[in-house]
């Protein structure tokens, strides 16, 4: 078993960077129709995350390793041309994330995967949060704020902010940023993303998107344990 690293300042900063970059890659995987470069992604941020095991991270890291194995196996496939591979994962992307199959998986919107609570609809909650922080969803994404790719990009934004403000000793900005990460994980991502990823694993026809499901669930699971530790 790998020796656990103590959360030194260097470790925390390295994890903030790896988390930021992995959230960004995963966000793009859900938001953008696959391109040729999709098959060439090396997923270095996931490998970077695995360099810093923490207490309780074993399950999440197992998911991340499985995800890496699947996306890498798909990109190395020699039984089809790059064009054929791109066509197949593009079809999978549309079927999994656009809800076009009559009996298929519901598309990844938080509002579809969480029971509605009186006067507290997930999309409205996220919209209010984004508005409070002055964030606007880019029009070219053509997605509401509770779409999985948008929510993952918000976590990328928070991780980037955390990484940038760590040099501001004595500032409240760092704690406020980490509290925002913890709140968004607990009130949103952790409540529905693992559910969607489980269904995605059952519905995906290509290894690539089964890998994306494992990577997503692993990262959210890791952060669910890691982020609260930053507030102790």
Protein backbone atom coordinates (compact mmCIF):
# COMPACT_ATOMS: atom_id res chain seq x y z
CA UNK A 1 0.00 0.00 0.00
CA UNK A 2 1.32 3.45 -0.94
CA UNK A 3 2.57 5.60 1.90
CA UNK A 4 0.13 8.38 2.68
CA UNK A 5 1.41 11.90 2.09
CA UNK A 6 0.93 14.46 4.80
CA UNK A 7 -1.06 17.45 3.49
CA UNK A 8 1.85 19.87 3.37
CA UNK A 9 1.40 23.24 1.68
CA UNK A 10 3.14 21.83 -1.41
CA UNK A 11 0.76 18.86 -1.50
CA UNK A 12 -2.30 21.06 -1.09
CA UNK A 13 -1.14 23.37 -3.86
CA UNK A 14 -0.31 20.47 -6.18
CA UNK A 15 -3.72 18.92 -5.56
CA UNK A 16 -5.48 22.22 -6.22
CA UNK A 17 -3.74 22.37 -9.61
CA UNK A 18 -4.44 18.72 -10.50
CA UNK A 19 -8.07 19.01 -9.41
CA UNK A 20 -8.53 22.23 -11.38
CA UNK A 21 -7.16 20.68 -14.56
CA UNK A 22 -9.07 17.42 -14.20
CA UNK A 23 -12.37 19.24 -13.59
CA UNK A 24 -11.63 21.24 -16.73
CA UNK A 25 -10.99 18.17 -18.86
CA UNK A 26 -14.10 16.42 -17.59
CA UNK A 27 -16.23 19.51 -18.09
CA UNK A 28 -15.13 19.68 -21.72
CA UNK A 29 -15.85 15.98 -22.19
CA UNK A 30 -19.52 16.62 -21.38
CA UNK A 31 -19.86 20.00 -23.07
CA UNK A 32 -18.09 19.47 -26.38
CA UNK A 33 -18.79 17.01 -29.14
CA UNK A 34 -15.68 14.79 -29.47
CA UNK A 35 -12.96 15.91 -31.86
CA UNK A 36 -9.83 14.21 -33.14
CA UNK A 37 -7.84 15.71 -30.24
CA UNK A 38 -10.23 13.98 -27.83
CA UNK A 39 -8.52 10.69 -28.67
CA UNK A 40 -5.10 12.22 -27.93
CA UNK A 41 -5.77 13.48 -24.40
CA UNK A 42 -3.24 11.98 -21.96
CA UNK A 43 -5.17 12.79 -18.78
CA UNK A 44 -2.04 13.92 -16.92
CA UNK A 45 -4.07 15.69 -14.18
CA UNK A 46 -5.57 12.36 -13.14
CA UNK A 47 -2.10 10.84 -12.96
CA UNK A 48 -0.98 13.86 -10.94
CA UNK A 49 -3.82 13.36 -8.48
CA UNK A 50 -2.79 9.75 -7.95
CA UNK A 51 0.63 10.94 -6.79
CA UNK A 52 -0.91 12.31 -3.59
CA UNK A 53 -2.92 9.57 -1.85
CA UNK A 54 -4.75 10.72 1.26
CA UNK A 55 -6.44 8.85 4.05
CA UNK A 56 -9.78 7.57 2.80
CA UNK A 57 -8.94 8.14 -0.88
CA UNK A 58 -8.58 4.46 -1.77
CA UNK A 59 -12.06 4.01 -3.27
CA UNK A 60 -11.89 7.24 -5.26
CA UNK A 61 -8.40 6.42 -6.56
CA UNK A 62 -9.58 2.97 -7.64
CA UNK A 63 -12.27 4.69 -9.72
CA UNK A 64 -9.73 7.08 -11.22
CA UNK A 65 -7.34 4.26 -12.14
CA UNK A 66 -10.16 2.31 -13.75
CA UNK A 67 -11.18 5.41 -15.68
CA UNK A 68 -7.63 5.95 -16.91
CA UNK A 69 -7.35 2.32 -18.00
CA UNK A 70 -10.54 2.60 -20.03
CA UNK A 71 -9.89 5.93 -21.78
CA UNK A 72 -6.31 4.89 -22.55
CA UNK A 73 -7.38 1.48 -23.84
CA UNK A 74 -9.87 3.16 -26.14
CA UNK A 75 -7.31 5.63 -27.48
CA UNK A 76 -4.84 2.78 -28.14
CA UNK A 77 -7.36 0.62 -29.96
CA UNK A 78 -5.81 -0.81 -33.13
CA UNK A 79 -8.87 -2.55 -34.52
CA UNK A 80 -10.32 0.66 -35.95
CA UNK A 81 -9.18 3.87 -37.60
CA UNK A 82 -9.16 7.18 -35.73
CA UNK A 83 -12.11 8.27 -37.89
CA UNK A 84 -14.12 5.18 -36.96
CA UNK A 85 -13.29 5.63 -33.28
CA UNK A 86 -14.32 9.28 -33.39
CA UNK A 87 -17.60 8.42 -35.09
CA UNK A 88 -18.44 5.83 -32.45
CA UNK A 89 -17.66 8.00 -29.44
CA UNK A 90 -19.54 10.90 -31.05
CA UNK A 91 -22.62 8.71 -31.33
CA UNK A 92 -22.15 7.64 -27.71
CA UNK A 93 -21.78 11.28 -26.63
CA UNK A 94 -25.05 12.24 -28.29
CA UNK A 95 -26.95 9.27 -26.91
CA UNK A 96 -25.64 9.65 -23.35
CA UNK A 97 -25.76 13.42 -22.92
CA UNK A 98 -28.59 14.60 -25.16
CA UNK A 99 -31.40 12.25 -24.19
CA UNK A 100 -32.19 11.32 -27.79
CA UNK A 101 -32.86 7.60 -27.18
CA UNK A 102 -36.49 6.94 -26.33
CA UNK A 103 -35.67 4.31 -23.71
CA UNK A 104 -32.19 5.58 -22.94
CA UNK A 105 -30.54 7.39 -20.09
CA UNK A 106 -31.83 10.75 -18.91
CA UNK A 107 -29.41 13.52 -19.90
CA UNK A 108 -27.12 14.85 -17.14
CA UNK A 109 -29.07 17.75 -15.66
CA UNK A 110 -29.20 18.02 -11.90
CA UNK A 111 -32.90 18.86 -12.07
CA UNK A 112 -33.59 15.43 -13.60
CA UNK A 113 -31.59 13.47 -11.04
CA UNK A 114 -32.68 15.08 -7.78
CA UNK A 115 -36.15 14.97 -6.24
CA UNK A 116 -37.71 18.39 -6.37
CA UNK A 117 -38.06 20.02 -2.99
CA UNK A 118 -40.67 22.71 -2.27
CA UNK A 119 -39.37 26.08 -3.46
CA UNK A 120 -35.86 24.66 -3.93
CA UNK A 121 -35.34 23.53 -7.49
CA UNK A 122 -31.71 22.58 -8.30
CA UNK A 123 -31.46 24.72 -11.43
CA UNK A 124 -32.75 27.78 -9.60
CA UNK A 125 -30.33 27.19 -6.73
CA UNK A 126 -27.36 26.99 -9.11
CA UNK A 127 -28.55 30.06 -11.03
CA UNK A 128 -28.73 32.08 -7.81
CA UNK A 129 -25.26 30.91 -6.81
CA UNK A 130 -23.77 31.84 -10.18
CA UNK A 131 -25.50 35.21 -10.10
CA UNK A 132 -24.17 35.91 -6.60
CA UNK A 133 -20.62 35.19 -7.78
CA UNK A 134 -20.99 37.13 -11.01
CA UNK A 135 -20.67 34.04 -13.20
CA UNK A 136 -22.37 33.69 -16.57
CA UNK A 137 -22.62 30.46 -18.52
CA UNK A 138 -21.05 31.03 -21.98
CA UNK A 139 -23.76 31.20 -24.63
CA UNK A 140 -21.79 28.94 -26.94
CA UNK A 141 -22.22 26.08 -24.48
CA UNK A 142 -25.97 26.09 -25.12
CA UNK A 143 -26.58 24.59 -21.69
CA UNK A 144 -28.34 25.66 -18.48
CA UNK A 145 -26.37 26.04 -15.28
CA UNK A 146 -27.38 22.64 -13.85
CA UNK A 147 -25.84 20.65 -16.73
CA UNK A 148 -23.03 18.39 -15.55
CA UNK A 149 -20.39 20.06 -17.72
CA UNK A 150 -21.31 23.51 -16.39
CA UNK A 151 -21.27 22.37 -12.76
CA UNK A 152 -17.90 20.66 -13.21
CA UNK A 153 -16.54 23.84 -14.76
CA UNK A 154 -17.71 25.76 -11.71
CA UNK A 155 -15.63 23.46 -9.54
CA UNK A 156 -12.71 24.07 -11.91
CA UNK A 157 -13.22 27.80 -11.34
CA UNK A 158 -13.23 27.34 -7.55
CA UNK A 159 -10.10 25.17 -7.63
CA UNK A 160 -8.35 27.77 -9.77
CA UNK A 161 -9.38 30.47 -7.31
CA UNK A 162 -8.10 28.34 -4.42
CA UNK A 163 -4.79 27.84 -6.20
CA UNK A 164 -4.44 31.57 -6.90
CA UNK A 165 -5.24 32.84 -3.40
CA UNK A 166 -3.07 30.41 -1.45
CA UNK A 167 -0.23 32.93 -1.39
CA UNK A 168 -2.47 35.47 0.35
CA UNK A 169 -1.55 34.60 3.94
CA UNK A 170 -4.05 35.83 6.50
CA UNK A 171 -6.72 36.49 3.92
CA UNK A 172 -10.29 35.26 4.35
CA UNK A 173 -10.48 34.65 0.60
CA UNK A 174 -8.94 31.18 0.82
CA UNK A 175 -11.29 29.89 3.49
CA UNK A 176 -14.30 31.39 1.72
CA UNK A 177 -13.25 29.68 -1.50
CA UNK A 178 -12.83 26.28 0.16
CA UNK A 179 -16.15 26.70 1.94
CA UNK A 180 -17.74 27.37 -1.45
CA UNK A 181 -16.16 24.18 -2.81
CA UNK A 182 -17.45 22.15 0.14
CA UNK A 183 -20.92 23.63 -0.11
CA UNK A 184 -21.21 23.01 -3.85
CA UNK A 185 -20.02 19.45 -3.47
CA UNK A 186 -22.39 18.64 -0.61
CA UNK A 187 -25.42 20.55 -1.91
CA UNK A 188 -25.10 19.66 -5.57
CA UNK A 189 -22.44 17.42 -7.16
CA UNK A 190 -22.35 14.66 -4.53
CA UNK A 191 -26.15 14.39 -4.54
CA UNK A 192 -26.59 13.45 -8.16
CA UNK A 193 -23.39 13.06 -10.20
CA UNK A 194 -22.53 9.58 -8.78
CA UNK A 195 -26.08 8.47 -9.64
CA UNK A 196 -25.74 9.66 -13.21
CA UNK A 197 -22.27 8.11 -13.55
CA UNK A 198 -23.60 4.74 -12.42
CA UNK A 199 -26.28 4.85 -15.11
CA UNK A 200 -23.75 6.10 -17.63
CA UNK A 201 -21.58 3.06 -16.92
CA UNK A 202 -24.50 0.82 -17.75
CA UNK A 203 -25.48 2.67 -20.92
CA UNK A 204 -22.16 3.68 -22.52
CA UNK A 205 -21.27 1.57 -25.54
CA UNK A 206 -17.67 2.77 -25.78
CA UNK A 207 -14.84 2.32 -23.30
CA UNK A 208 -14.08 6.03 -23.56
CA UNK A 209 -17.26 7.14 -21.84
CA UNK A 210 -17.20 4.36 -19.30
CA UNK A 211 -13.78 5.75 -18.46
CA UNK A 212 -15.18 9.29 -18.23
CA UNK A 213 -17.86 8.03 -15.83
CA UNK A 214 -15.26 6.43 -13.55
CA UNK A 215 -13.01 9.51 -13.65
CA UNK A 216 -15.92 11.82 -12.82
CA UNK A 217 -17.20 9.70 -9.96
CA UNK A 218 -13.67 9.26 -8.65
CA UNK A 219 -12.89 12.97 -8.63
CA UNK A 220 -16.16 13.94 -6.94
CA UNK A 221 -15.64 11.15 -4.41
CA UNK A 222 -12.08 12.26 -3.69
CA UNK A 223 -13.09 15.88 -3.21
CA UNK A 224 -15.93 14.88 -0.93
CA UNK A 225 -13.32 13.66 1.55
CA UNK A 226 -10.45 16.00 0.72
CA UNK A 227 -12.10 19.43 0.71
CA UNK A 228 -13.54 19.24 4.25
CA UNK A 229 -10.03 18.46 5.53
CA UNK A 230 -8.84 21.80 4.20
CA UNK A 231 -11.14 23.59 6.63
CA UNK A 232 -9.86 21.86 9.76
